[in-house]
C-alpha atoms as a PDB file:
ATOM      1  CA  UNK A   1     153.563 103.911  90.084  1.00  0.00           C
ATOM      2  CA  UNK A   2     150.080 104.323  88.695  1.00  0.00           C
ATOM      3  CA  UNK A   3     147.691 101.898  90.476  1.00  0.00           C
ATOM      4  CA  UNK A   4     144.588 102.590  88.393  1.00  0.00           C
ATOM      5  CA  UNK A   5     142.442 102.178  91.567  1.00  0.00           C
ATOM      6  CA  UNK A   6     141.074 104.346  94.325  1.00  0.00           C
ATOM      7  CA  UNK A   7     143.505 104.974  97.273  1.00  0.00           C
ATOM      8  CA  UNK A   8     142.821 106.717 100.430  1.00  0.00           C
ATOM      9  CA  UNK A   9     145.272 109.535 101.060  1.00  0.00           C
ATOM     10  CA  UNK A  10     143.074 111.439 103.663  1.00  0.00           C
ATOM     11  CA  UNK A  11     145.393 110.405 106.536  1.00  0.00           C
ATOM     12  CA  UNK A  12     148.736 110.515 104.654  1.00  0.00           C
ATOM     13  CA  UNK A  13     151.345 113.283 105.440  1.00  0.00           C
ATOM     14  CA  UNK A  14     153.816 114.054 102.653  1.00  0.00           C
ATOM     15  CA  UNK A  15     157.243 115.227 103.713  1.00  0.00           C
ATOM     16  CA  UNK A  16     159.528 116.413 101.073  1.00  0.00           C
ATOM     17  CA  UNK A  17     162.996 117.994 101.244  1.00  0.00           C
ATOM     18  CA  UNK A  18     164.813 120.448  99.021  1.00  0.00           C
ATOM     19  CA  UNK A  19     168.071 122.424  99.017  1.00  0.00           C
ATOM     20  CA  UNK A  20     166.428 125.652  97.796  1.00  0.00           C
ATOM     21  CA  UNK A  21     162.889 127.060  97.415  1.00  0.00           C
ATOM     22  CA  UNK A  22     163.486 128.798  94.133  1.00  0.00           C
ATOM     23  CA  UNK A  23     162.586 126.031  91.882  1.00  0.00           C
ATOM     24  CA  UNK A  24     159.480 124.925  93.725  1.00  0.00           C
ATOM     25  CA  UNK A  25     156.465 126.442  91.947  1.00  0.00           C
ATOM     26  CA  UNK A  26     154.770 129.163  93.906  1.00  0.00           C
ATOM     27  CA  UNK A  27     151.285 127.602  93.945  1.00  0.00           C
ATOM     28  CA  UNK A  28     152.771 124.531  95.409  1.00  0.00           C
ATOM     29  CA  UNK A  29     154.664 126.414  98.063  1.00  0.00           C
ATOM     30  CA  UNK A  30     151.559 128.003  99.084  1.00  0.00           C
ATOM     31  CA  UNK A  31     150.048 124.608 100.017  1.00  0.00           C
ATOM     32  CA  UNK A  32     153.043 123.510 101.997  1.00  0.00           C
ATOM     33  CA  UNK A  33     154.322 124.209 105.489  1.00  0.00           C
ATOM     34  CA  UNK A  34     157.987 125.166 104.975  1.00  0.00           C
ATOM     35  CA  UNK A  35     160.379 124.341 107.741  1.00  0.00           C
ATOM     36  CA  UNK A  36     163.931 125.873 107.228  1.00  0.00           C
ATOM     37  CA  UNK A  37     166.755 123.787 108.765  1.00  0.00           C
ATOM     38  CA  UNK A  38     170.096 125.635 108.715  1.00  0.00           C
ATOM     39  CA  UNK A  39     173.238 123.857 107.740  1.00  0.00           C
ATOM     40  CA  UNK A  40     175.736 122.499 110.312  1.00  0.00           C
ATOM     41  CA  UNK A  41     178.392 124.719 111.640  1.00  0.00           C
ATOM     42  CA  UNK A  42     182.064 123.834 111.298  1.00  0.00           C
ATOM     43  CA  UNK A  43     182.154 122.774 115.065  1.00  0.00           C
ATOM     44  CA  UNK A  44     178.995 120.566 114.398  1.00  0.00           C
ATOM     45  CA  UNK A  45     180.629 119.018 111.440  1.00  0.00           C
ATOM     46  CA  UNK A  46     183.901 118.391 113.279  1.00  0.00           C
ATOM     47  CA  UNK A  47     182.111 116.544 116.175  1.00  0.00           C
ATOM     48  CA  UNK A  48     179.913 114.539 113.772  1.00  0.00           C
ATOM     49  CA  UNK A  49     182.967 113.479 111.851  1.00  0.00           C
ATOM     50  CA  UNK A  50     184.830 112.401 115.027  1.00  0.00           C
ATOM     51  CA  UNK A  51     181.949 110.577 116.823  1.00  0.00           C
ATOM     52  CA  UNK A  52     180.282 108.937 113.769  1.00  0.00           C
ATOM     53  CA  UNK A  53     181.633 109.331 110.319  1.00  0.00           C
ATOM     54  CA  UNK A  54     185.116 108.340 110.954  1.00  0.00           C
ATOM     55  CA  UNK A  55     184.252 105.277 112.969  1.00  0.00           C
ATOM     56  CA  UNK A  56     181.704 104.193 110.368  1.00  0.00           C
ATOM     57  CA  UNK A  57     184.355 104.493 107.590  1.00  0.00           C
ATOM     58  CA  UNK A  58     186.968 102.591 109.730  1.00  0.00           C
ATOM     59  CA  UNK A  59     184.668  99.656 110.028  1.00  0.00           C
ATOM     60  CA  UNK A  60     183.612  99.830 106.369  1.00  0.00           C
ATOM     61  CA  UNK A  61     187.300  99.590 105.143  1.00  0.00           C
ATOM     62  CA  UNK A  62     188.418  96.897 107.594  1.00  0.00           C
ATOM     63  CA  UNK A  63     190.528  99.142 109.939  1.00  0.00           C
ATOM     64  CA  UNK A  64     191.046  98.845 113.591  1.00  0.00           C
ATOM     65  CA  UNK A  65     190.814 101.927 115.691  1.00  0.00           C
ATOM     66  CA  UNK A  66     194.567 101.872 116.427  1.00  0.00           C
ATOM     67  CA  UNK A  67     195.331 101.756 112.592  1.00  0.00           C
ATOM     68  CA  UNK A  68     194.350 105.367 111.918  1.00  0.00           C
ATOM     69  CA  UNK A  69     194.271 108.615 113.642  1.00  0.00           C
ATOM     70  CA  UNK A  70     192.875 111.711 111.938  1.00  0.00           C
ATOM     71  CA  UNK A  71     193.554 114.934 113.886  1.00  0.00           C
ATOM     72  CA  UNK A  72     191.070 117.755 114.375  1.00  0.00           C
ATOM     73  CA  UNK A  73     193.158 120.003 112.202  1.00  0.00           C
ATOM     74  CA  UNK A  74     192.883 117.472 109.357  1.00  0.00           C
ATOM     75  CA  UNK A  75     189.137 117.182 109.712  1.00  0.00           C
ATOM     76  CA  UNK A  76     188.747 120.954 109.671  1.00  0.00           C
ATOM     77  CA  UNK A  77     190.938 121.173 106.650  1.00  0.00           C
ATOM     78  CA  UNK A  78     188.753 118.743 104.817  1.00  0.00           C
ATOM     79  CA  UNK A  79     185.632 120.796 105.851  1.00  0.00           C
ATOM     80  CA  UNK A  80     187.180 124.117 104.664  1.00  0.00           C
ATOM     81  CA  UNK A  81     189.324 123.129 101.575  1.00  0.00           C
ATOM     82  CA  UNK A  82     187.706 119.781 100.195  1.00  0.00           C
ATOM     83  CA  UNK A  83     183.981 120.335 100.862  1.00  0.00           C
ATOM     84  CA  UNK A  84     181.515 123.034 100.397  1.00  0.00           C
ATOM     85  CA  UNK A  85     178.090 121.908 101.614  1.00  0.00           C
ATOM     86  CA  UNK A  86     175.412 122.443 104.308  1.00  0.00           C
ATOM     87  CA  UNK A  87     175.461 118.824 105.292  1.00  0.00           C
ATOM     88  CA  UNK A  88     178.192 116.184 105.724  1.00  0.00           C
ATOM     89  CA  UNK A  89     177.654 113.930 102.793  1.00  0.00           C
ATOM     90  CA  UNK A  90     180.900 115.032 100.968  1.00  0.00           C
ATOM     91  CA  UNK A  91     182.793 115.169 104.215  1.00  0.00           C
ATOM     92  CA  UNK A  92     182.106 111.438 104.684  1.00  0.00           C
ATOM     93  CA  UNK A  93     183.063 110.711 101.173  1.00  0.00           C
ATOM     94  CA  UNK A  94     186.344 112.276 101.601  1.00  0.00           C
ATOM     95  CA  UNK A  95     187.007 110.500 105.013  1.00  0.00           C
ATOM     96  CA  UNK A  96     186.106 107.277 103.219  1.00  0.00           C
ATOM     97  CA  UNK A  97     188.719 108.029 100.649  1.00  0.00           C
ATOM     98  CA  UNK A  98     191.328 108.621 103.281  1.00  0.00           C
ATOM     99  CA  UNK A  99     190.455 105.313 105.123  1.00  0.00           C
ATOM    100  CA  UNK A 100     190.771 103.328 101.844  1.00  0.00           C
ATOM    101  CA  UNK A 101     194.217 104.682 101.147  1.00  0.00           C
ATOM    102  CA  UNK A 102     195.222 103.990 104.730  1.00  0.00           C
ATOM    103  CA  UNK A 103     193.917 100.512 104.480  1.00  0.00           C
ATOM    104  CA  UNK A 104     196.227  99.895 101.515  1.00  0.00           C
ATOM    105  CA  UNK A 105     199.235 101.220 103.503  1.00  0.00           C
ATOM    106  CA  UNK A 106     198.348  98.870 106.472  1.00  0.00           C
ATOM    107  CA  UNK A 107     198.107  95.875 104.080  1.00  0.00           C
ATOM    108  CA  UNK A 108     201.489  96.740 102.446  1.00  0.00           C
ATOM    109  CA  UNK A 109     203.267  97.225 105.643  1.00  0.00           C
ATOM    110  CA  UNK A 110     201.904  95.743 108.923  1.00  0.00           C
ATOM    111  CA  UNK A 111     198.488  94.833 110.114  1.00  0.00           C
ATOM    112  CA  UNK A 112     199.216  96.617 113.367  1.00  0.00           C
ATOM    113  CA  UNK A 113     200.521  99.709 111.694  1.00  0.00           C
ATOM    114  CA  UNK A 114     199.533 103.149 112.982  1.00  0.00           C
ATOM    115  CA  UNK A 115     198.938 105.909 110.418  1.00  0.00           C
ATOM    116  CA  UNK A 116     198.341 109.550 111.592  1.00  0.00           C
ATOM    117  CA  UNK A 117     196.658 111.873 109.221  1.00  0.00           C
ATOM    118  CA  UNK A 118     197.329 115.479 109.938  1.00  0.00           C
ATOM    119  CA  UNK A 119     196.464 118.729 108.152  1.00  0.00           C
ATOM    120  CA  UNK A 120     199.790 118.823 106.536  1.00  0.00           C
ATOM    121  CA  UNK A 121     199.404 115.388 104.942  1.00  0.00           C
ATOM    122  CA  UNK A 122     195.923 115.888 103.470  1.00  0.00           C
ATOM    123  CA  UNK A 123     197.260 116.555 100.013  1.00  0.00           C
ATOM    124  CA  UNK A 124     198.888 113.122 100.062  1.00  0.00           C
ATOM    125  CA  UNK A 125     195.487 111.461 100.432  1.00  0.00           C
ATOM    126  CA  UNK A 126     192.994 113.923  98.859  1.00  0.00           C
ATOM    127  CA  UNK A 127     195.115 115.812  96.273  1.00  0.00           C
ATOM    128  CA  UNK A 128     195.014 119.526  95.617  1.00  0.00           C
ATOM    129  CA  UNK A 129     192.508 121.395  97.728  1.00  0.00           C
ATOM    130  CA  UNK A 130     189.308 122.044  95.836  1.00  0.00           C
ATOM    131  CA  UNK A 131     187.867 125.178  97.656  1.00  0.00           C
ATOM    132  CA  UNK A 132     189.211 128.246  99.315  1.00  0.00           C
ATOM    133  CA  UNK A 133     187.406 130.480 102.002  1.00  0.00           C
ATOM    134  CA  UNK A 134     187.688 134.207 102.505  1.00  0.00           C
ATOM    135  CA  UNK A 135     190.074 135.696 104.973  1.00  0.00           C
ATOM    136  CA  UNK A 136     190.539 139.140 106.571  1.00  0.00           C
ATOM    137  CA  UNK A 137     192.780 141.716 104.815  1.00  0.00           C
ATOM    138  CA  UNK A 138     196.254 141.995 106.238  1.00  0.00           C
ATOM    139  CA  UNK A 139     196.340 145.801 106.497  1.00  0.00           C
ATOM    140  CA  UNK A 140     193.699 148.618 106.416  1.00  0.00           C
ATOM    141  CA  UNK A 141     193.112 149.598 102.651  1.00  0.00           C
ATOM    142  CA  UNK A 142     191.328 152.496 100.911  1.00  0.00           C
ATOM    143  CA  UNK A 143     188.239 151.609  98.947  1.00  0.00           C
ATOM    144  CA  UNK A 144     188.237 147.918 100.040  1.00  0.00           C
ATOM    145  CA  UNK A 145     185.527 146.724 102.527  1.00  0.00           C
ATOM    146  CA  UNK A 146     184.740 143.322 103.854  1.00  0.00           C
ATOM    147  CA  UNK A 147     181.031 142.256 103.766  1.00  0.00           C
ATOM    148  CA  UNK A 148     179.195 139.093 104.881  1.00  0.00           C
ATOM    149  CA  UNK A 149     177.057 137.135 102.611  1.00  0.00           C
ATOM    150  CA  UNK A 150     174.654 134.073 103.064  1.00  0.00           C
ATOM    151  CA  UNK A 151     174.638 131.243 100.549  1.00  0.00           C
ATOM    152  CA  UNK A 152     172.873 127.834 100.597  1.00  0.00           C
ATOM    153  CA  UNK A 153     176.087 126.310 101.774  1.00  0.00           C
ATOM    154  CA  UNK A 154     176.647 128.742 104.701  1.00  0.00           C
ATOM    155  CA  UNK A 155     178.209 132.195 105.208  1.00  0.00           C
ATOM    156  CA  UNK A 156     181.038 133.734 103.115  1.00  0.00           C
ATOM    157  CA  UNK A 157     183.196 136.832 103.348  1.00  0.00           C
ATOM    158  CA  UNK A 158     182.415 139.249 100.609  1.00  0.00           C
ATOM    159  CA  UNK A 159     185.150 141.624  99.452  1.00  0.00           C
ATOM    160  CA  UNK A 160     184.009 144.962  97.890  1.00  0.00           C
ATOM    161  CA  UNK A 161     186.478 147.131  95.979  1.00  0.00           C
ATOM    162  CA  UNK A 162     185.940 150.619  94.744  1.00  0.00           C
ATOM    163  CA  UNK A 163     188.153 152.785  92.595  1.00  0.00           C
ATOM    164  CA  UNK A 164     187.680 156.420  91.588  1.00  0.00           C
ATOM    165  CA  UNK A 165     189.045 157.882  88.384  1.00  0.00           C
ATOM    166  CA  UNK A 166     188.529 161.165  86.496  1.00  0.00           C
ATOM    167  CA  UNK A 167     185.493 160.899  84.268  1.00  0.00           C
ATOM    168  CA  UNK A 168     181.928 162.153  83.613  1.00  0.00           C
ATOM    169  CA  UNK A 169     179.712 160.460  86.218  1.00  0.00           C
ATOM    170  CA  UNK A 170     179.747 156.832  85.035  1.00  0.00           C
ATOM    171  CA  UNK A 171     179.023 154.205  87.502  1.00  0.00           C
ATOM    172  CA  UNK A 172     180.242 150.650  86.614  1.00  0.00           C
ATOM    173  CA  UNK A 173     179.477 147.603  88.595  1.00  0.00           C
ATOM    174  CA  UNK A 174     181.144 144.239  87.855  1.00  0.00           C
ATOM    175  CA  UNK A 175     181.399 140.767  89.543  1.00  0.00           C
ATOM    176  CA  UNK A 176     178.186 139.056  88.367  1.00  0.00           C
ATOM    177  CA  UNK A 177     175.812 140.713  90.745  1.00  0.00           C
ATOM    178  CA  UNK A 178     172.100 140.205  90.784  1.00  0.00           C
ATOM    179  CA  UNK A 179     169.498 142.913  90.407  1.00  0.00           C
ATOM    180  CA  UNK A 180     169.070 143.503  94.090  1.00  0.00           C
ATOM    181  CA  UNK A 181     172.738 144.004  94.736  1.00  0.00           C
ATOM    182  CA  UNK A 182     173.003 146.339  91.887  1.00  0.00           C
ATOM    183  CA  UNK A 183     170.105 148.397  93.178  1.00  0.00           C
ATOM    184  CA  UNK A 184     171.996 148.443  96.666  1.00  0.00           C
ATOM    185  CA  UNK A 185     175.071 149.830  94.977  1.00  0.00           C
ATOM    186  CA  UNK A 186     173.037 152.678  93.436  1.00  0.00           C
ATOM    187  CA  UNK A 187     171.244 153.402  96.767  1.00  0.00           C
ATOM    188  CA  UNK A 188     174.584 153.572  98.450  1.00  0.00           C
ATOM    189  CA  UNK A 189     175.895 156.126  95.902  1.00  0.00           C
ATOM    190  CA  UNK A 190     172.777 158.175  96.380  1.00  0.00           C
ATOM    191  CA  UNK A 191     173.417 158.149 100.166  1.00  0.00           C
ATOM    192  CA  UNK A 192     176.906 159.381  99.674  1.00  0.00           C
ATOM    193  CA  UNK A 193     175.749 162.070  97.304  1.00  0.00           C
ATOM    194  CA  UNK A 194     173.226 163.251  99.960  1.00  0.00           C
ATOM    195  CA  UNK A 195     175.991 163.448 102.592  1.00  0.00           C
ATOM    196  CA  UNK A 196     178.618 165.128 100.182  1.00  0.00           C
ATOM    197  CA  UNK A 197     178.955 168.383 102.122  1.00  0.00           C
ATOM    198  CA  UNK A 198     179.267 166.598 105.555  1.00  0.00           C
ATOM    199  CA  UNK A 199     181.898 164.330 104.103  1.00  0.00           C
ATOM    200  CA  UNK A 200     183.881 167.225 102.709  1.00  0.00           C
ATOM    201  CA  UNK A 201     182.944 166.740  99.078  1.00  0.00           C
ATOM    202  CA  UNK A 202     181.466 169.471  96.841  1.00  0.00           C
ATOM    203  CA  UNK A 203     177.876 168.748  95.768  1.00  0.00           C
ATOM    204  CA  UNK A 204     178.788 168.220  92.188  1.00  0.00           C
ATOM    205  CA  UNK A 205     181.677 165.807  92.724  1.00  0.00           C
ATOM    206  CA  UNK A 206     180.151 162.974  90.694  1.00  0.00           C
ATOM    207  CA  UNK A 207     180.112 165.010  87.509  1.00  0.00           C
ATOM    208  CA  UNK A 208     183.873 164.734  87.242  1.00  0.00           C
ATOM    209  CA  UNK A 209     184.605 161.200  88.309  1.00  0.00           C
ATOM    210  CA  UNK A 210     183.839 157.678  87.161  1.00  0.00           C
ATOM    211  CA  UNK A 211     183.306 155.039  89.864  1.00  0.00           C
ATOM    212  CA  UNK A 212     183.962 151.411  89.421  1.00  0.00           C
ATOM    213  CA  UNK A 213     182.575 148.918  91.992  1.00  0.00           C
ATOM    214  CA  UNK A 214     183.960 145.494  91.846  1.00  0.00           C
ATOM    215  CA  UNK A 215     183.235 142.306  93.835  1.00  0.00           C
ATOM    216  CA  UNK A 216     185.827 139.624  93.068  1.00  0.00           C
ATOM    217  CA  UNK A 217     185.188 135.943  92.225  1.00  0.00           C
ATOM    218  CA  UNK A 218     182.922 136.894  89.335  1.00  0.00           C
ATOM    219  CA  UNK A 219     182.321 133.200  88.563  1.00  0.00           C
ATOM    220  CA  UNK A 220     180.149 132.984  91.652  1.00  0.00           C
ATOM    221  CA  UNK A 221     176.715 134.783  91.280  1.00  0.00           C
ATOM    222  CA  UNK A 222     175.968 137.151  94.229  1.00  0.00           C
ATOM    223  CA  UNK A 223     172.724 138.862  95.113  1.00  0.00           C
ATOM    224  CA  UNK A 224     170.867 140.244  98.101  1.00  0.00           C
ATOM    225  CA  UNK A 225     170.387 143.578  99.854  1.00  0.00           C
ATOM    226  CA  UNK A 226     172.630 142.885 102.906  1.00  0.00           C
ATOM    227  CA  UNK A 227     175.805 144.254 101.204  1.00  0.00           C
ATOM    228  CA  UNK A 228     174.321 147.737 101.195  1.00  0.00           C
ATOM    229  CA  UNK A 229     176.357 149.231 104.030  1.00  0.00           C
ATOM    230  CA  UNK A 230     179.521 147.544 102.742  1.00  0.00           C
ATOM    231  CA  UNK A 231     179.187 149.150  99.333  1.00  0.00           C
ATOM    232  CA  UNK A 232     178.425 152.572 100.951  1.00  0.00           C
ATOM    233  CA  UNK A 233     181.532 152.216 103.301  1.00  0.00           C
ATOM    234  CA  UNK A 234     183.884 151.266 100.321  1.00  0.00           C
ATOM    235  CA  UNK A 235     182.429 154.325  98.364  1.00  0.00           C
ATOM    236  CA  UNK A 236     183.077 156.753 101.171  1.00  0.00           C
ATOM    237  CA  UNK A 237     186.561 155.266 101.883  1.00  0.00           C
ATOM    238  CA  UNK A 238     187.414 155.752  98.126  1.00  0.00           C
ATOM    239  CA  UNK A 239     186.197 159.277  97.906  1.00  0.00           C
ATOM    240  CA  UNK A 240     187.624 160.548 101.133  1.00  0.00           C
ATOM    241  CA  UNK A 241     190.873 158.310 100.983  1.00  0.00           C
ATOM    242  CA  UNK A 242     190.147 157.028 104.493  1.00  0.00           C
ATOM    243  CA  UNK A 243     191.320 153.354 105.013  1.00  0.00           C
ATOM    244  CA  UNK A 244     188.885 150.757 106.284  1.00  0.00           C
ATOM    245  CA  UNK A 245     189.652 148.524 109.155  1.00  0.00           C
ATOM    246  CA  UNK A 246     190.968 145.179 107.969  1.00  0.00           C
ATOM    247  CA  UNK A 247     189.813 143.230 111.079  1.00  0.00           C
ATOM    248  CA  UNK A 248     186.133 144.406 110.676  1.00  0.00           C
ATOM    249  CA  UNK A 249     183.294 143.013 108.542  1.00  0.00           C
ATOM    250  CA  UNK A 250     179.709 144.316 108.217  1.00  0.00           C
ATOM    251  CA  UNK A 251     176.251 143.290 107.010  1.00  0.00           C
ATOM    252  CA  UNK A 252     172.929 145.402 106.542  1.00  0.00           C
ATOM    253  CA  UNK A 253     170.703 146.859 104.108  1.00  0.00           C
ATOM    254  CA  UNK A 254     171.007 150.506 103.344  1.00  0.00           C
ATOM    255  CA  UNK A 255     168.046 153.027 102.603  1.00  0.00           C
ATOM    256  CA  UNK A 256     168.488 156.356 100.700  1.00  0.00           C
ATOM    257  CA  UNK A 257     168.424 158.182 104.057  1.00  0.00           C
ATOM    258  CA  UNK A 258     171.174 155.925 105.463  1.00  0.00           C
ATOM    259  CA  UNK A 259     169.069 153.701 107.759  1.00  0.00           C
ATOM    260  CA  UNK A 260     170.379 150.185 108.328  1.00  0.00           C
ATOM    261  CA  UNK A 261     167.723 147.474 107.818  1.00  0.00           C
ATOM    262  CA  UNK A 262     167.783 143.996 109.181  1.00  0.00           C
ATOM    263  CA  UNK A 263     169.125 141.015 107.056  1.00  0.00           C
ATOM    264  CA  UNK A 264     168.849 137.270 107.327  1.00  0.00           C
ATOM    265  CA  UNK A 265     171.419 134.496 107.939  1.00  0.00           C
ATOM    266  CA  UNK A 266     173.207 136.235 110.857  1.00  0.00           C
ATOM    267  CA  UNK A 267     174.424 133.091 112.407  1.00  0.00           C
ATOM    268  CA  UNK A 268     176.096 131.780 109.203  1.00  0.00           C
ATOM    269  CA  UNK A 269     177.662 135.164 108.518  1.00  0.00           C
ATOM    270  CA  UNK A 270     179.166 135.449 111.954  1.00  0.00           C
ATOM    271  CA  UNK A 271     180.525 131.917 111.634  1.00  0.00           C
ATOM    272  CA  UNK A 272     182.120 132.939 108.340  1.00  0.00           C
ATOM    273  CA  UNK A 273     183.654 135.959 109.836  1.00  0.00           C
ATOM    274  CA  UNK A 274     185.086 133.954 112.813  1.00  0.00           C
ATOM    275  CA  UNK A 275     186.571 131.461 110.330  1.00  0.00           C
ATOM    276  CA  UNK A 276     188.251 134.271 108.344  1.00  0.00           C
ATOM    277  CA  UNK A 277     189.912 135.902 111.345  1.00  0.00           C
ATOM    278  CA  UNK A 278     187.429 138.845 111.570  1.00  0.00           C
ATOM    279  CA  UNK A 279     187.274 140.172 115.194  1.00  0.00           C
ATOM    280  CA  UNK A 280     184.598 142.797 114.852  1.00  0.00           C
ATOM    281  CA  UNK A 281     181.163 142.785 113.107  1.00  0.00           C
ATOM    282  CA  UNK A 282     178.785 145.544 112.365  1.00  0.00           C
ATOM    283  CA  UNK A 283     175.188 144.361 112.308  1.00  0.00           C
ATOM    284  CA  UNK A 284     171.717 145.915 112.139  1.00  0.00           C
ATOM    285  CA  UNK A 285     170.296 146.723 115.560  1.00  0.00           C
ATOM    286  CA  UNK A 286     167.015 145.064 114.515  1.00  0.00           C
ATOM    287  CA  UNK A 287     168.862 141.637 114.250  1.00  0.00           C
ATOM    288  CA  UNK A 288     169.690 141.690 117.999  1.00  0.00           C
ATOM    289  CA  UNK A 289     167.158 138.882 118.508  1.00  0.00           C
ATOM    290  CA  UNK A 290     169.188 136.629 116.343  1.00  0.00           C
ATOM    291  CA  UNK A 291     172.241 136.893 118.527  1.00  0.00           C
ATOM    292  CA  UNK A 292     171.074 133.945 120.826  1.00  0.00           C
ATOM    293  CA  UNK A 293     171.366 131.524 117.821  1.00  0.00           C
ATOM    294  CA  UNK A 294     175.171 132.059 117.622  1.00  0.00           C
ATOM    295  CA  UNK A 295     177.248 129.427 119.544  1.00  0.00           C
ATOM    296  CA  UNK A 296     178.692 130.839 122.812  1.00  0.00           C
ATOM    297  CA  UNK A 297     182.247 129.641 121.868  1.00  0.00           C
ATOM    298  CA  UNK A 298     182.086 131.686 118.664  1.00  0.00           C
ATOM    299  CA  UNK A 299     180.746 134.829 120.679  1.00  0.00           C
ATOM    300  CA  UNK A 300     184.011 134.691 122.764  1.00  0.00           C
ATOM    301  CA  UNK A 301     186.143 135.759 119.933  1.00  0.00           C
ATOM    302  CA  UNK A 302     183.862 138.166 118.100  1.00  0.00           C
ATOM    303  CA  UNK A 303     182.550 141.696 119.028  1.00  0.00           C
ATOM    304  CA  UNK A 304     179.146 142.529 117.622  1.00  0.00           C
ATOM    305  CA  UNK A 305     178.444 146.112 117.202  1.00  0.00           C
ATOM    306  CA  UNK A 306     174.774 147.081 116.588  1.00  0.00           C
ATOM    307  CA  UNK A 307     174.093 150.011 114.247  1.00  0.00           C
ATOM    308  CA  UNK A 308     171.005 151.929 113.155  1.00  0.00           C
ATOM    309  CA  UNK A 309     172.420 154.383 110.726  1.00  0.00           C
ATOM    310  CA  UNK A 310     175.119 154.514 108.117  1.00  0.00           C
ATOM    311  CA  UNK A 311     176.928 157.428 110.052  1.00  0.00           C
ATOM    312  CA  UNK A 312     177.514 154.943 112.901  1.00  0.00           C
ATOM    313  CA  UNK A 313     178.911 152.468 110.488  1.00  0.00           C
ATOM    314  CA  UNK A 314     181.536 154.923 109.056  1.00  0.00           C
ATOM    315  CA  UNK A 315     182.569 155.917 112.630  1.00  0.00           C
ATOM    316  CA  UNK A 316     183.359 152.364 113.470  1.00  0.00           C
ATOM    317  CA  UNK A 317     184.733 151.068 110.048  1.00  0.00           C
ATOM    318  CA  UNK A 318     186.970 153.953 108.964  1.00  0.00           C
ATOM    319  CA  UNK A 319     190.438 154.392 110.348  1.00  0.00           C
ATOM    320  CA  UNK A 320     189.950 157.975 111.777  1.00  0.00           C
ATOM    321  CA  UNK A 321     191.900 159.956 114.262  1.00  0.00           C
ATOM    322  CA  UNK A 322     188.680 161.777 115.318  1.00  0.00           C
ATOM    323  CA  UNK A 323     185.502 160.014 114.175  1.00  0.00           C
ATOM    324  CA  UNK A 324     183.236 162.708 115.446  1.00  0.00           C
ATOM    325  CA  UNK A 325     185.101 165.519 113.730  1.00  0.00           C
ATOM    326  CA  UNK A 326     185.011 163.516 110.474  1.00  0.00           C
ATOM    327  CA  UNK A 327     181.346 164.411 109.956  1.00  0.00           C
ATOM    328  CA  UNK A 328     181.696 168.212 110.601  1.00  0.00           C
ATOM    329  CA  UNK A 329     181.863 169.986 107.418  1.00  0.00           C
ATOM    330  CA  UNK A 330     185.216 169.731 105.583  1.00  0.00           C
ATOM    331  CA  UNK A 331     186.875 167.218 108.053  1.00  0.00           C
ATOM    332  CA  UNK A 332     186.400 164.307 105.677  1.00  0.00           C
ATOM    333  CA  UNK A 333     187.882 166.279 102.780  1.00  0.00           C
ATOM    334  CA  UNK A 334     189.278 164.182 100.011  1.00  0.00           C
ATOM    335  CA  UNK A 335     192.797 164.513  98.736  1.00  0.00           C
ATOM    336  CA  UNK A 336     191.739 163.690  95.114  1.00  0.00           C
ATOM    337  CA  UNK A 337     192.422 167.007  93.556  1.00  0.00           C
ATOM    338  CA  UNK A 338     189.830 166.492  90.714  1.00  0.00           C
ATOM    339  CA  UNK A 339     187.020 166.152  93.392  1.00  0.00           C
ATOM    340  CA  UNK A 340     187.741 169.568  94.769  1.00  0.00           C
ATOM    341  CA  UNK A 341     187.766 171.493  91.517  1.00  0.00           C
ATOM    342  CA  UNK A 342     185.018 174.057  91.229  1.00  0.00           C
ATOM    343  CA  UNK A 343     182.153 173.427  88.912  1.00  0.00           C
ATOM    344  CA  UNK A 344     182.722 174.932  85.372  1.00  0.00           C
ATOM    345  CA  UNK A 345     180.712 178.120  84.840  1.00  0.00           C
ATOM    346  CA  UNK A 346     178.589 178.782  81.771  1.00  0.00           C
ATOM    347  CA  UNK A 347     176.562 176.392  79.637  1.00  0.00           C
ATOM    348  CA  UNK A 348     176.917 172.601  80.325  1.00  0.00           C
ATOM    349  CA  UNK A 349     178.037 170.326  77.618  1.00  0.00           C
ATOM    350  CA  UNK A 350     175.836 167.453  76.457  1.00  0.00           C
ATOM    351  CA  UNK A 351     175.574 164.904  79.185  1.00  0.00           C
ATOM    352  CA  UNK A 352     176.517 167.044  82.091  1.00  0.00           C
ATOM    353  CA  UNK A 353     172.771 167.465  83.009  1.00  0.00           C
ATOM    354  CA  UNK A 354     172.689 163.854  83.804  1.00  0.00           C
ATOM    355  CA  UNK A 355     173.567 162.939  87.412  1.00  0.00           C
ATOM    356  CA  UNK A 356     174.867 159.477  86.822  1.00  0.00           C
ATOM    357  CA  UNK A 357     175.020 157.000  83.978  1.00  0.00           C
ATOM    358  CA  UNK A 358     174.978 153.412  85.150  1.00  0.00           C
ATOM    359  CA  UNK A 359     176.590 150.634  83.034  1.00  0.00           C
ATOM    360  CA  UNK A 360     176.587 147.184  84.412  1.00  0.00           C
ATOM    361  CA  UNK A 361     179.079 144.404  83.342  1.00  0.00           C
ATOM    362  CA  UNK A 362     177.936 140.926  84.401  1.00  0.00           C
ATOM    363  CA  UNK A 363     180.942 139.209  83.148  1.00  0.00           C
END
């Protein structure tokens, strides 16, 4: 309210909150001290719900503790399939909805009735699940790599698919990707081209093929550099026809020389991998300092492998009988016949002089 009088603010400290920094004007950010508070992990949400939220909603809806029992599996199901948030606001709302419906059952039957809510009965109280979370692939596949992404709501598994078809050097990228991720895809392709002979590909292979990179769930915007090594791995897999391990996920930025640079949000990404059934994670070596932030109980079921170069990533990620021999000239030779055809001799046709034509579809 406008007071229309002098007011001393010299000893007043303003504290504001925001879900993201993107919409805060840069001049204002420069005058603020920003404190980043990470969202709750699934385990933290589970304990908050058991110790505080459920008891609060029991009392608010007139239930005795013996009237309702919500299993850990049910609470976890609510967290994964009915909420997608950094905090617990919607989790409390869903628990309140369950308590109201249980209260109706108690009133209709017996005041001393005992209702148990399990993961299998969530649909009865909350309806059809609203969200899904990524899970590991069931078998190793060619051209399909699993990456890790950070969002405002926590970590997510990111599936990257690459297919190779005969063509004239066209690179198509789909899946509603931001500018940074598109640049990562082009950097990944440049790395693969620079390592063509080592991977068993002739130097001009890209003149005879079209490459389509797709990241599913196109309705969700995706951006950031941390998918670089995932994109490069999927490209190499598709070109050499080598399957990628289905129990492995990776995160890291890639340079044109194949170096793996550090990323942010390692804790959230590891938690997403654990939730999705991933057993092994490839991470940049420079992120070693962030490992101590990961809960010990999560670390028991996850193997973290620190990498510095893309060659290390390929040795761990691809299903190879002899990883060392793969990088010796010709050992990673593709079984795609049109990749091994010799370059046509004589004058090039229009368009052949261009290395790669990039067309991006953001649908």
